Amino acid sequence: MKLRLNPKRFSIFSNSERADKIEHHIEKSIKKFFWSNVFKTKTQALFEEIEGYYARNKENQSNICDFNTFIKHWTEAHRGVIQDIYLDIIEKSFGVLEGPLYIMRGTSSWCTKQDWRNTPRPNRGNNV
């Protein structure tokens, strides 16, 4: 499955309105994910949500990685929270994380102060 990427999605906005546009984009992507019953639409919505989280972290973190690496961290951090069938498709396109995990499991915030790799995965019972 080909995921549509728009790396300059938020660059057209001024600094004052960028944060609001990012938050609106994240909310819209989450709603799209939960309201859809179509596998491709749900996967694309999840991918767009990750784009929003990356943009949010990039606004607030000076030591953030590149987008492709962030996706690997995000998908690993959300194992057990989001169904594996969607995360597997995204990992198929971007690869699997090797090395330390810098996003605490179940969150979307970038933090290089600790490696979260060996923390237990949440068990929400929603994996197929």
Protein backbone atom coordinates (compact mmCIF):
# COMPACT_ATOMS: atom_id res chain seq x y z
CA MET A 1 0.00 0.00 0.00
CA LYS A 2 1.37 3.42 -0.96
CA LEU A 3 0.99 6.00 1.81
CA ARG A 4 0.61 9.64 0.77
CA LEU A 5 3.21 11.83 2.44
CA ASN A 6 3.16 15.63 2.61
CA PRO A 7 6.32 16.71 4.47
CA LYS A 8 5.63 20.42 3.91
CA ARG A 9 2.02 20.26 5.10
CA PHE A 10 2.49 22.83 7.88
CA SER A 11 5.26 24.98 6.40
CA ILE A 12 2.81 27.33 4.67
CA PHE A 13 1.49 28.63 7.99
CA SER A 14 3.03 31.37 10.09
CA ASN A 15 4.50 30.45 13.46
CA SER A 16 1.47 31.86 15.29
CA GLU A 17 -1.05 29.68 13.50
CA ARG A 18 1.08 26.57 12.90
CA ALA A 19 0.45 25.01 16.34
CA ASP A 20 -3.33 25.36 15.93
CA LYS A 21 -3.21 23.83 12.45
CA ILE A 22 -1.12 20.90 13.71
CA GLU A 23 -3.53 20.18 16.57
CA HIS A 24 -6.53 20.44 14.24
CA HIS A 25 -4.81 18.05 11.81
CA ILE A 26 -4.17 15.50 14.58
CA GLU A 27 -7.79 15.66 15.79
CA LYS A 28 -9.10 15.34 12.23
CA SER A 29 -6.84 12.32 11.56
CA ILE A 30 -7.94 10.57 14.76
CA LYS A 31 -11.61 11.07 13.88
CA LYS A 32 -10.98 9.83 10.35
CA PHE A 33 -9.31 6.70 11.74
CA PHE A 34 -12.17 5.85 14.10
CA TRP A 35 -15.02 6.78 11.75
CA SER A 36 -13.81 4.78 8.77
CA ASN A 37 -14.38 1.09 8.16
CA VAL A 38 -12.08 0.97 5.11
CA PHE A 39 -8.66 -0.53 5.79
CA LYS A 40 -6.73 1.77 3.41
CA THR A 41 -8.48 4.88 4.74
CA LYS A 42 -7.77 3.92 8.35
CA THR A 43 -4.10 3.25 7.57
CA GLN A 44 -3.73 6.57 5.73
CA ALA A 45 -5.46 8.40 8.61
CA LEU A 46 -3.06 6.82 11.10
CA PHE A 47 -0.13 7.84 8.93
CA GLU A 48 -1.44 11.42 8.75
CA GLU A 49 -1.81 11.41 12.53
CA ILE A 50 1.86 10.45 12.82
CA GLU A 51 2.72 13.37 10.50
CA GLY A 52 0.93 15.69 12.91
CA TYR A 53 2.73 14.29 15.94
CA TYR A 54 6.05 14.69 14.17
CA ALA A 55 5.24 18.31 13.32
CA ARG A 56 4.22 18.96 16.95
CA ASN A 57 7.44 17.43 18.29
CA LYS A 58 9.54 19.27 15.71
CA GLU A 59 8.08 22.58 16.91
CA ASN A 60 9.07 21.82 20.52
CA GLN A 61 12.22 19.66 20.33
CA SER A 62 15.64 20.68 19.09
CA ASN A 63 17.00 17.11 19.06
CA ILE A 64 14.24 15.46 16.99
CA CYS A 65 15.21 12.86 14.39
CA ASP A 66 14.13 12.83 10.74
CA PHE A 67 10.55 11.89 9.82
CA ASN A 68 11.32 8.34 8.64
CA THR A 69 13.05 7.51 11.92
CA PHE A 70 10.22 9.10 13.93
CA ILE A 71 7.74 6.79 12.19
CA LYS A 72 9.76 3.76 13.28
CA HIS A 73 9.81 4.99 16.89
CA TRP A 74 6.09 5.85 16.83
CA THR A 75 4.95 2.50 15.44
CA GLU A 76 7.03 0.60 18.02
CA ALA A 77 5.73 2.81 20.84
CA HIS A 78 2.11 2.11 19.84
CA ARG A 79 2.29 -1.67 19.63
CA GLY A 80 -0.47 -2.90 21.91
CA VAL A 81 -2.32 0.42 21.66
CA ILE A 82 -3.13 0.43 17.94
CA GLN A 83 -3.99 -2.75 16.06
CA ASP A 84 -0.92 -4.40 14.56
CA ILE A 85 -2.49 -4.71 11.10
CA TYR A 86 -2.19 -0.93 10.59
CA LEU A 87 1.24 -0.60 12.19
CA ASP A 88 2.56 -3.50 10.08
CA ILE A 89 1.59 -1.71 6.84
CA ILE A 90 3.38 1.46 7.93
CA GLU A 91 6.45 -0.52 9.03
CA LYS A 92 6.45 -2.32 5.70
CA SER A 93 6.89 1.06 3.99
CA PHE A 94 9.35 2.64 6.44
CA GLY A 95 11.10 -0.24 8.20
CA VAL A 96 11.27 -1.55 11.74
CA LEU A 97 13.01 0.31 14.57
CA GLU A 98 16.45 -0.95 15.47
CA GLY A 99 18.13 0.42 18.55
CA PRO A 100 16.73 2.52 21.39
CA LEU A 101 13.12 3.68 21.56
CA TYR A 102 12.79 7.39 22.33
CA ILE A 103 9.01 7.62 22.56
CA MET A 104 7.43 6.30 25.75
CA ARG A 105 4.99 3.52 24.94
CA GLY A 106 1.45 4.74 24.36
CA THR A 107 2.48 8.40 23.91
CA SER A 108 3.73 10.54 21.04
CA SER A 109 6.29 12.73 22.77
CA TRP A 110 9.95 12.57 21.75
CA CYS A 111 12.31 12.10 24.72
CA THR A 112 15.94 11.04 24.33
CA LYS A 113 16.60 10.99 28.08
CA GLN A 114 15.58 7.34 28.38
CA ASP A 115 15.42 4.25 26.20
CA TRP A 116 11.86 2.89 26.42
CA ARG A 117 12.65 -0.27 24.40
CA ASN A 118 12.51 -2.71 27.34
CA THR A 119 9.33 -1.34 28.88
CA PRO A 120 6.31 -3.64 28.58
CA ARG A 121 3.89 -3.15 25.72
CA PRO A 122 0.40 -2.11 26.76
CA ASN A 123 -2.14 -4.90 26.44
CA ARG A 124 -5.37 -3.30 25.33
CA GLY A 125 -6.77 -6.49 23.84
CA ASN A 126 -7.44 -4.89 20.47
CA ASN A 127 -4.98 -6.81 18.34
CA VAL A 128 -6.23 -9.17 15.73
